[in-house]
Amino acid sequence: MFSPWRLGLAKDQAGSLSTVTALLMPALMAAAGLGADTLHWTWQQQIMQRQA
């Protein structure tokens, strides 16, 4: 049978960093966006609290 272990593909790690980066990029972008939105929301809430 053709298994990845017999073909030596499991030992070949060329391009694995770019693959992992490409797979994690949407999650990293979402986390950065959520952090920015939370920071903006907190900042606006402090401004409104000072005005009240």
N, C-alpha and C. Protein backbone atom coordinates (compact mmCIF):
# COMPACT_ATOMS: atom_id res chain seq x y z
N MET A 1 0.83 -1.19 0.00
CA MET A 1 0.00 0.00 0.00
C MET A 1 0.87 1.25 0.00
N PHE A 2 0.26 2.36 -0.37
CA PHE A 2 0.99 3.62 -0.40
C PHE A 2 0.68 4.41 0.86
N SER A 3 1.54 4.31 1.81
CA SER A 3 1.34 5.09 3.03
C SER A 3 2.38 6.21 3.07
N PRO A 4 2.06 7.33 3.70
CA PRO A 4 3.02 8.43 3.78
C PRO A 4 4.32 8.02 4.47
N TRP A 5 4.24 7.07 5.38
CA TRP A 5 5.43 6.65 6.12
C TRP A 5 6.40 5.91 5.20
N ARG A 6 5.87 5.13 4.30
CA ARG A 6 6.74 4.37 3.38
C ARG A 6 7.34 5.27 2.31
N LEU A 7 6.63 6.30 1.91
CA LEU A 7 7.13 7.18 0.88
C LEU A 7 8.13 8.20 1.41
N GLY A 8 8.27 8.29 2.72
CA GLY A 8 9.21 9.24 3.30
C GLY A 8 8.66 10.65 3.41
N LEU A 9 7.35 10.81 3.19
CA LEU A 9 6.77 12.15 3.26
C LEU A 9 6.68 12.67 4.69
N ALA A 10 6.60 11.76 5.65
CA ALA A 10 6.52 12.20 7.04
C ALA A 10 7.83 12.82 7.50
N LYS A 11 8.93 12.40 6.92
CA LYS A 11 10.23 12.95 7.31
C LYS A 11 10.54 14.26 6.61
N ASP A 12 9.89 14.50 5.49
CA ASP A 12 10.15 15.72 4.73
C ASP A 12 9.36 16.87 5.34
N GLN A 13 10.05 17.84 5.90
CA GLN A 13 9.40 18.95 6.57
C GLN A 13 9.54 20.25 5.79
N ALA A 14 9.95 20.17 4.56
CA ALA A 14 10.13 21.38 3.75
C ALA A 14 8.76 22.02 3.50
N GLY A 15 8.66 23.28 3.82
CA GLY A 15 7.40 24.01 3.62
C GLY A 15 6.41 23.88 4.74
N SER A 16 6.78 23.19 5.81
CA SER A 16 5.83 23.00 6.90
C SER A 16 5.56 24.31 7.65
N LEU A 17 6.56 25.16 7.74
CA LEU A 17 6.36 26.44 8.43
C LEU A 17 5.37 27.32 7.69
N SER A 18 5.50 27.37 6.37
CA SER A 18 4.56 28.18 5.60
C SER A 18 3.15 27.59 5.64
N THR A 19 3.04 26.29 5.69
CA THR A 19 1.72 25.65 5.77
C THR A 19 1.06 25.95 7.11
N VAL A 20 1.80 25.82 8.18
CA VAL A 20 1.26 26.10 9.51
C VAL A 20 0.89 27.58 9.63
N THR A 21 1.73 28.45 9.09
CA THR A 21 1.44 29.88 9.12
C THR A 21 0.18 30.19 8.34
N ALA A 22 0.03 29.59 7.17
CA ALA A 22 -1.16 29.83 6.36
C ALA A 22 -2.42 29.32 7.06
N LEU A 23 -2.31 28.22 7.76
CA LEU A 23 -3.48 27.68 8.46
C LEU A 23 -3.83 28.49 9.71
N LEU A 24 -2.83 29.06 10.37
CA LEU A 24 -3.08 29.82 11.60
C LEU A 24 -3.37 31.30 11.35
N MET A 25 -3.10 31.79 10.17
CA MET A 25 -3.26 33.22 9.89
C MET A 25 -4.70 33.71 10.13
N PRO A 26 -5.74 33.02 9.69
CA PRO A 26 -7.10 33.52 9.99
C PRO A 26 -7.38 33.63 11.49
N ALA A 27 -6.90 32.67 12.26
CA ALA A 27 -7.11 32.73 13.71
C ALA A 27 -6.33 33.89 14.32
N LEU A 28 -5.11 34.12 13.85
CA LEU A 28 -4.32 35.24 14.36
C LEU A 28 -4.95 36.57 14.00
N MET A 29 -5.47 36.68 12.79
CA MET A 29 -6.12 37.92 12.37
C MET A 29 -7.39 38.16 13.18
N ALA A 30 -8.15 37.11 13.44
CA ALA A 30 -9.37 37.24 14.23
C ALA A 30 -9.04 37.66 15.66
N ALA A 31 -8.00 37.09 16.24
CA ALA A 31 -7.60 37.45 17.59
C ALA A 31 -7.14 38.90 17.66
N ALA A 32 -6.40 39.34 16.66
CA ALA A 32 -5.94 40.73 16.63
C ALA A 32 -7.13 41.68 16.47
N GLY A 33 -8.08 41.33 15.63
CA GLY A 33 -9.27 42.16 15.45
C GLY A 33 -10.12 42.22 16.70
N LEU A 34 -10.28 41.10 17.36
CA LEU A 34 -11.05 41.07 18.60
C LEU A 34 -10.37 41.89 19.68
N GLY A 35 -9.06 41.80 19.76
CA GLY A 35 -8.32 42.60 20.73
C GLY A 35 -8.44 44.09 20.45
N ALA A 36 -8.36 44.48 19.19
CA ALA A 36 -8.50 45.89 18.83
C ALA A 36 -9.90 46.40 19.13
N ASP A 37 -10.92 45.59 18.82
CA ASP A 37 -12.30 46.00 19.11
C ASP A 37 -12.54 46.14 20.61
N THR A 38 -12.00 45.22 21.39
CA THR A 38 -12.16 45.28 22.84
C THR A 38 -11.47 46.52 23.41
N LEU A 39 -10.28 46.81 22.91
CA LEU A 39 -9.56 48.00 23.36
C LEU A 39 -10.33 49.27 23.02
N HIS A 40 -10.88 49.33 21.82
CA HIS A 40 -11.66 50.51 21.41
C HIS A 40 -12.93 50.64 22.24
N TRP A 41 -13.60 49.53 22.50
CA TRP A 41 -14.82 49.55 23.30
C TRP A 41 -14.53 50.03 24.72
N THR A 42 -13.43 49.55 25.32
CA THR A 42 -13.06 49.97 26.67
C THR A 42 -12.71 51.44 26.71
N TRP A 43 -11.99 51.90 25.71
CA TRP A 43 -11.60 53.30 25.63
C TRP A 43 -12.82 54.20 25.51
N GLN A 44 -13.76 53.83 24.66
CA GLN A 44 -14.98 54.62 24.50
C GLN A 44 -15.82 54.61 25.78
N GLN A 45 -15.85 53.50 26.46
CA GLN A 45 -16.62 53.42 27.71
C GLN A 45 -16.00 54.33 28.77
N GLN A 46 -14.68 54.41 28.84
CA GLN A 46 -14.04 55.31 29.79
C GLN A 46 -14.34 56.76 29.47
N ILE A 47 -14.34 57.10 28.19
CA ILE A 47 -14.65 58.48 27.78
C ILE A 47 -16.09 58.84 28.17
N MET A 48 -17.03 57.94 27.91
CA MET A 48 -18.42 58.21 28.27
C MET A 48 -18.61 58.29 29.77
N GLN A 49 -17.86 57.47 30.52
CA GLN A 49 -17.96 57.50 31.98
C GLN A 49 -17.45 58.83 32.53
N ARG A 50 -16.40 59.36 31.95
CA ARG A 50 -15.87 60.65 32.39
C ARG A 50 -16.84 61.78 32.09
N GLN A 51 -17.57 61.68 30.99
CA GLN A 51 -18.52 62.73 30.60
C GLN A 51 -19.79 62.69 31.43
N ALA A 52 -20.11 61.57 32.00
CA ALA A 52 -21.36 61.43 32.77
C ALA A 52 -21.28 62.11 34.13
